[in-house]
Structures are given as structure tokens and as C-alpha cells.
Amino acid sequence: MSSARIFRPSKDASQSGLARTKQWVLEFDRTSRREADPLMGWTSSSDMLQQVRLEFDTEEEAVAYAKREGIAYRVEKPRPQTVRKGLSYSDNFRFNRTAPWTH
């Protein structure tokens, strides 16, 4: 019996966009460990489910799929996104700024 985790991917730290963070993902857990090939140094595994990554529009769709297929699953809820206040360069030179000048 295979097990899987259902989660919503977090935003990539090096990008400002939110692409590929709206969908829910079902990924299967590893059932066998990876092994290094002694000659070439490649990493391989006999577990083909590691390569499967299913995307769903909602959490409910992902859970329904796992139940329908008899897959043991766990749901990882995403953390709430923090909203950053946008700053402009001209705010550094306002007359009514609250912080003192540093130069």
C-alpha cells in the first residue's frame, strides 16, 4: 500500500510571482531508498512512484482522488501568506518621515 502527501507548494524565494502555488499537489512517499551506481555515480531507485506528481485545483479533489484509489494520505495545510508593505524610493526623502536621517 502506498502513502502520499497532499500539499500546496510554497512560493519560490528567488521569484516574485505566485505561479504554480495555487494548485494542490499529491506526491507519493518513498518506499525504497536511493542507491548510487558505483561505476557512473548516478542515483537510482526501484520506486517508480517517486516520479509521479499529480496536480489538482482544490484540496477536496486531491483528497477524493486519494480515497477513490485507496491511497493513504496526509494533508499539509499551507501557512498564511504574509503581505509585505510596498515601499518606494521617494519615501526615503519625505519631509514627514518618522525615522531620523542616517547621514
N, C-alpha and C. Protein backbone atom coordinates (compact mmCIF):
# COMPACT_ATOMS: atom_id res chain seq x y z
N MET A 1 0.85 -1.18 0.00
CA MET A 1 0.00 0.00 0.00
C MET A 1 0.90 1.24 0.00
N SER A 2 0.63 2.16 -0.87
CA SER A 2 1.43 3.38 -0.95
C SER A 2 0.79 4.48 -0.14
N SER A 3 1.62 5.41 0.28
CA SER A 3 1.12 6.58 1.01
C SER A 3 1.59 7.83 0.28
N ALA A 4 0.87 8.92 0.51
CA ALA A 4 1.18 10.16 -0.21
C ALA A 4 0.92 11.35 0.68
N ARG A 5 1.45 12.48 0.28
CA ARG A 5 1.15 13.73 0.97
C ARG A 5 0.49 14.67 -0.01
N ILE A 6 -0.46 15.44 0.49
CA ILE A 6 -1.18 16.42 -0.31
C ILE A 6 -0.83 17.79 0.25
N PHE A 7 -0.34 18.67 -0.59
CA PHE A 7 0.10 19.98 -0.13
C PHE A 7 -0.06 21.00 -1.24
N ARG A 8 0.06 22.26 -0.88
CA ARG A 8 0.10 23.35 -1.85
C ARG A 8 1.50 23.92 -1.82
N PRO A 9 2.21 23.93 -2.96
CA PRO A 9 3.61 24.37 -2.97
C PRO A 9 3.75 25.82 -2.53
N SER A 10 4.85 26.11 -1.87
CA SER A 10 5.11 27.48 -1.44
C SER A 10 5.74 28.26 -2.59
N LYS A 11 5.76 29.56 -2.42
CA LYS A 11 6.33 30.44 -3.43
C LYS A 11 7.84 30.28 -3.45
N ASP A 12 8.41 30.28 -4.62
CA ASP A 12 9.86 30.20 -4.77
C ASP A 12 10.48 31.48 -4.23
N ALA A 13 11.51 31.35 -3.39
CA ALA A 13 12.11 32.51 -2.74
C ALA A 13 12.82 33.42 -3.73
N SER A 14 13.27 32.89 -4.85
CA SER A 14 14.02 33.70 -5.80
C SER A 14 13.12 34.38 -6.84
N GLN A 15 11.82 34.16 -6.76
CA GLN A 15 10.90 34.74 -7.73
C GLN A 15 9.85 35.57 -7.00
N SER A 16 9.35 36.59 -7.65
CA SER A 16 8.33 37.43 -7.03
C SER A 16 6.92 36.98 -7.39
N GLY A 17 6.76 36.17 -8.41
CA GLY A 17 5.44 35.74 -8.86
C GLY A 17 4.88 34.61 -8.02
N LEU A 18 3.60 34.33 -8.20
CA LEU A 18 2.93 33.27 -7.47
C LEU A 18 2.52 32.11 -8.37
N ALA A 19 3.19 31.95 -9.50
CA ALA A 19 2.86 30.87 -10.43
C ALA A 19 3.12 29.52 -9.76
N ARG A 20 2.25 28.55 -10.06
CA ARG A 20 2.34 27.18 -9.57
C ARG A 20 2.20 27.07 -8.06
N THR A 21 1.57 28.06 -7.40
CA THR A 21 1.32 27.97 -5.97
C THR A 21 -0.17 27.88 -5.66
N LYS A 22 -1.00 27.93 -6.67
CA LYS A 22 -2.45 27.91 -6.45
C LYS A 22 -3.00 26.49 -6.44
N GLN A 23 -2.32 25.55 -7.10
CA GLN A 23 -2.84 24.19 -7.20
C GLN A 23 -2.33 23.33 -6.05
N TRP A 24 -3.07 22.27 -5.76
CA TRP A 24 -2.69 21.30 -4.75
C TRP A 24 -1.97 20.14 -5.43
N VAL A 25 -0.97 19.58 -4.76
CA VAL A 25 -0.13 18.54 -5.34
C VAL A 25 -0.21 17.28 -4.48
N LEU A 26 -0.32 16.15 -5.13
CA LEU A 26 -0.25 14.85 -4.46
C LEU A 26 1.06 14.20 -4.87
N GLU A 27 1.94 13.95 -3.90
CA GLU A 27 3.22 13.29 -4.15
C GLU A 27 3.28 12.03 -3.31
N PHE A 28 3.77 10.95 -3.90
CA PHE A 28 3.91 9.69 -3.19
C PHE A 28 5.17 9.68 -2.36
N ASP A 29 5.11 9.03 -1.19
CA ASP A 29 6.27 8.89 -0.32
C ASP A 29 7.20 7.81 -0.87
N ARG A 30 8.45 7.87 -0.47
CA ARG A 30 9.42 6.88 -0.91
C ARG A 30 9.16 5.55 -0.23
N THR A 31 9.26 4.50 -0.99
CA THR A 31 9.11 3.15 -0.42
C THR A 31 10.44 2.41 -0.43
N SER A 32 11.39 2.87 -1.21
CA SER A 32 12.73 2.26 -1.20
C SER A 32 13.77 3.38 -1.26
N ARG A 33 14.92 3.08 -0.73
CA ARG A 33 15.95 4.12 -0.68
C ARG A 33 16.69 4.23 -2.01
N ARG A 34 17.29 5.37 -2.20
CA ARG A 34 18.07 5.58 -3.42
C ARG A 34 19.46 4.98 -3.26
N GLU A 35 20.00 4.53 -4.37
CA GLU A 35 21.32 3.91 -4.35
C GLU A 35 22.19 4.56 -5.42
N ALA A 36 23.46 4.71 -5.11
CA ALA A 36 24.40 5.28 -6.07
C ALA A 36 25.03 4.16 -6.88
N ASP A 37 25.09 4.36 -8.19
CA ASP A 37 25.72 3.40 -9.08
C ASP A 37 27.23 3.51 -8.86
N PRO A 38 27.94 2.43 -8.59
CA PRO A 38 29.37 2.52 -8.29
C PRO A 38 30.23 2.93 -9.49
N LEU A 39 29.79 2.61 -10.70
CA LEU A 39 30.59 2.94 -11.87
C LEU A 39 30.38 4.38 -12.32
N MET A 40 29.13 4.79 -12.51
CA MET A 40 28.84 6.12 -13.06
C MET A 40 28.54 7.16 -11.98
N GLY A 41 28.13 6.71 -10.80
CA GLY A 41 27.79 7.64 -9.74
C GLY A 41 26.37 8.17 -9.83
N TRP A 42 25.57 7.64 -10.71
CA TRP A 42 24.19 8.07 -10.84
C TRP A 42 23.39 7.57 -9.65
N THR A 43 22.34 8.29 -9.32
CA THR A 43 21.46 7.88 -8.24
C THR A 43 20.23 7.23 -8.86
N SER A 44 19.86 6.07 -8.33
CA SER A 44 18.70 5.37 -8.87
C SER A 44 17.88 4.78 -7.75
N SER A 45 16.67 4.38 -8.10
CA SER A 45 15.76 3.75 -7.14
C SER A 45 14.84 2.83 -7.91
N SER A 46 14.35 1.81 -7.22
CA SER A 46 13.40 0.90 -7.87
C SER A 46 11.96 1.37 -7.68
N ASP A 47 11.76 2.48 -6.97
CA ASP A 47 10.42 3.00 -6.70
C ASP A 47 10.02 3.98 -7.79
N MET A 48 9.08 3.59 -8.64
CA MET A 48 8.65 4.45 -9.74
C MET A 48 7.63 5.50 -9.31
N LEU A 49 6.99 5.30 -8.16
CA LEU A 49 6.00 6.28 -7.70
C LEU A 49 6.65 7.60 -7.26
N GLN A 50 7.96 7.61 -7.01
CA GLN A 50 8.66 8.85 -6.68
C GLN A 50 8.56 9.86 -7.81
N GLN A 51 8.39 9.40 -9.01
CA GLN A 51 8.36 10.28 -10.17
C GLN A 51 6.98 10.85 -10.45
N VAL A 52 5.96 10.35 -9.75
CA VAL A 52 4.59 10.78 -10.01
C VAL A 52 4.26 11.99 -9.14
N ARG A 53 3.75 13.02 -9.80
CA ARG A 53 3.34 14.25 -9.11
C ARG A 53 2.04 14.71 -9.77
N LEU A 54 0.93 14.55 -9.04
CA LEU A 54 -0.37 14.89 -9.58
C LEU A 54 -0.81 16.25 -9.06
N GLU A 55 -1.37 17.09 -9.95
CA GLU A 55 -1.82 18.42 -9.56
C GLU A 55 -3.34 18.49 -9.64
N PHE A 56 -3.95 19.14 -8.64
CA PHE A 56 -5.40 19.31 -8.55
C PHE A 56 -5.71 20.77 -8.29
N ASP A 57 -6.91 21.19 -8.70
CA ASP A 57 -7.31 22.58 -8.49
C ASP A 57 -7.67 22.87 -7.03
N THR A 58 -8.22 21.89 -6.34
CA THR A 58 -8.63 22.10 -4.95
C THR A 58 -8.13 20.95 -4.09
N GLU A 59 -8.10 21.21 -2.79
CA GLU A 59 -7.71 20.18 -1.82
C GLU A 59 -8.72 19.03 -1.83
N GLU A 60 -10.00 19.37 -1.97
CA GLU A 60 -11.04 18.35 -1.95
C GLU A 60 -10.89 17.37 -3.11
N GLU A 61 -10.49 17.87 -4.28
CA GLU A 61 -10.28 16.98 -5.43
C GLU A 61 -9.14 16.01 -5.17
N ALA A 62 -8.07 16.50 -4.56
CA ALA A 62 -6.92 15.65 -4.27
C ALA A 62 -7.28 14.58 -3.24
N VAL A 63 -8.02 14.97 -2.21
CA VAL A 63 -8.44 14.01 -1.18
C VAL A 63 -9.39 12.98 -1.78
N ALA A 64 -10.32 13.42 -2.61
CA ALA A 64 -11.27 12.49 -3.24
C ALA A 64 -10.53 11.49 -4.12
N TYR A 65 -9.52 11.93 -4.85
CA TYR A 65 -8.74 11.02 -5.69
C TYR A 65 -8.02 9.98 -4.83
N ALA A 66 -7.39 10.44 -3.73
CA ALA A 66 -6.67 9.51 -2.87
C ALA A 66 -7.62 8.49 -2.26
N LYS A 67 -8.80 8.91 -1.84
CA LYS A 67 -9.78 7.98 -1.27
C LYS A 67 -10.27 7.00 -2.32
N ARG A 68 -10.54 7.50 -3.53
CA ARG A 68 -11.05 6.65 -4.60
C ARG A 68 -10.05 5.58 -5.00
N GLU A 69 -8.76 5.94 -4.99
CA GLU A 69 -7.71 5.00 -5.40
C GLU A 69 -7.17 4.17 -4.24
N GLY A 70 -7.65 4.41 -3.02
CA GLY A 70 -7.19 3.64 -1.86
C GLY A 70 -5.80 4.01 -1.41
N ILE A 71 -5.43 5.26 -1.55
CA ILE A 71 -4.09 5.72 -1.18
C ILE A 71 -4.17 6.34 0.21
N ALA A 72 -3.30 5.89 1.11
CA ALA A 72 -3.20 6.52 2.42
C ALA A 72 -2.57 7.89 2.22
N TYR A 73 -3.16 8.92 2.81
CA TYR A 73 -2.68 10.28 2.54
C TYR A 73 -2.64 11.10 3.82
N ARG A 74 -1.88 12.18 3.77
CA ARG A 74 -1.88 13.19 4.82
C ARG A 74 -1.90 14.54 4.13
N VAL A 75 -2.64 15.47 4.71
CA VAL A 75 -2.79 16.81 4.13
C VAL A 75 -1.95 17.78 4.93
N GLU A 76 -1.10 18.54 4.25
CA GLU A 76 -0.29 19.57 4.88
C GLU A 76 -0.88 20.92 4.49
N LYS A 77 -1.46 21.59 5.46
CA LYS A 77 -2.09 22.89 5.20
C LYS A 77 -1.00 23.96 4.99
N PRO A 78 -1.22 24.87 4.04
CA PRO A 78 -0.22 25.92 3.82
C PRO A 78 -0.30 26.98 4.92
N ARG A 79 0.84 27.59 5.18
CA ARG A 79 0.87 28.71 6.12
C ARG A 79 0.26 29.92 5.46
N PRO A 80 -0.37 30.81 6.24
CA PRO A 80 -0.91 32.02 5.61
C PRO A 80 0.21 32.90 5.07
N GLN A 81 -0.04 33.49 3.91
CA GLN A 81 0.97 34.32 3.28
C GLN A 81 1.07 35.65 4.00
N THR A 82 2.29 36.12 4.18
CA THR A 82 2.50 37.43 4.78
C THR A 82 2.48 38.47 3.67
N VAL A 83 1.80 39.55 3.93
CA VAL A 83 1.70 40.62 2.94
C VAL A 83 2.71 41.70 3.30
N ARG A 84 3.60 41.97 2.38
CA ARG A 84 4.61 42.98 2.63
C ARG A 84 4.13 44.33 2.14
N LYS A 85 4.42 45.35 2.90
CA LYS A 85 4.05 46.71 2.53
C LYS A 85 5.02 47.19 1.46
N GLY A 86 4.48 47.68 0.36
CA GLY A 86 5.33 48.19 -0.70
C GLY A 86 5.95 49.52 -0.32
N LEU A 87 7.23 49.64 -0.56
CA LEU A 87 7.95 50.88 -0.26
C LEU A 87 8.46 51.49 -1.56
N SER A 88 8.45 52.78 -1.60
CA SER A 88 9.01 53.44 -2.77
C SER A 88 10.30 54.16 -2.37
N TYR A 89 11.16 54.37 -3.33
CA TYR A 89 12.43 55.03 -3.07
C TYR A 89 12.23 56.46 -2.60
N SER A 90 11.20 57.11 -3.09
CA SER A 90 10.97 58.51 -2.71
C SER A 90 10.55 58.66 -1.25
N ASP A 91 10.09 57.56 -0.61
CA ASP A 91 9.74 57.63 0.81
C ASP A 91 10.96 57.93 1.68
N ASN A 92 12.14 57.65 1.21
CA ASN A 92 13.36 57.95 1.96
C ASN A 92 13.58 59.44 2.12
N PHE A 93 12.97 60.27 1.29
CA PHE A 93 13.22 61.71 1.29
C PHE A 93 11.99 62.52 1.67
N ARG A 94 11.01 61.92 2.29
CA ARG A 94 9.81 62.65 2.72
C ARG A 94 10.15 63.63 3.83
N PHE A 95 9.38 64.72 3.91
CA PHE A 95 9.58 65.69 4.97
C PHE A 95 9.02 65.19 6.29
N ASN A 96 7.97 64.41 6.25
CA ASN A 96 7.32 63.94 7.47
C ASN A 96 7.72 62.51 7.85
N ARG A 97 8.93 62.09 7.54
CA ARG A 97 9.36 60.73 7.88
C ARG A 97 9.58 60.61 9.38
N THR A 98 9.34 59.44 9.91
CA THR A 98 9.41 59.23 11.35
C THR A 98 10.80 58.85 11.83
N ALA A 99 11.59 58.19 11.01
CA ALA A 99 12.94 57.79 11.38
C ALA A 99 13.92 58.93 11.07
N PRO A 100 14.94 59.11 11.90
CA PRO A 100 15.91 60.19 11.63
C PRO A 100 16.81 59.85 10.45
N TRP A 101 17.40 60.86 9.88
CA TRP A 101 18.36 60.66 8.81
C TRP A 101 19.60 59.97 9.34
N THR A 102 20.20 59.13 8.54
CA THR A 102 21.38 58.39 8.98
C THR A 102 22.66 58.98 8.42
N HIS A 103 22.57 60.04 7.67
CA HIS A 103 23.79 60.63 7.11
C HIS A 103 23.86 62.09 7.35
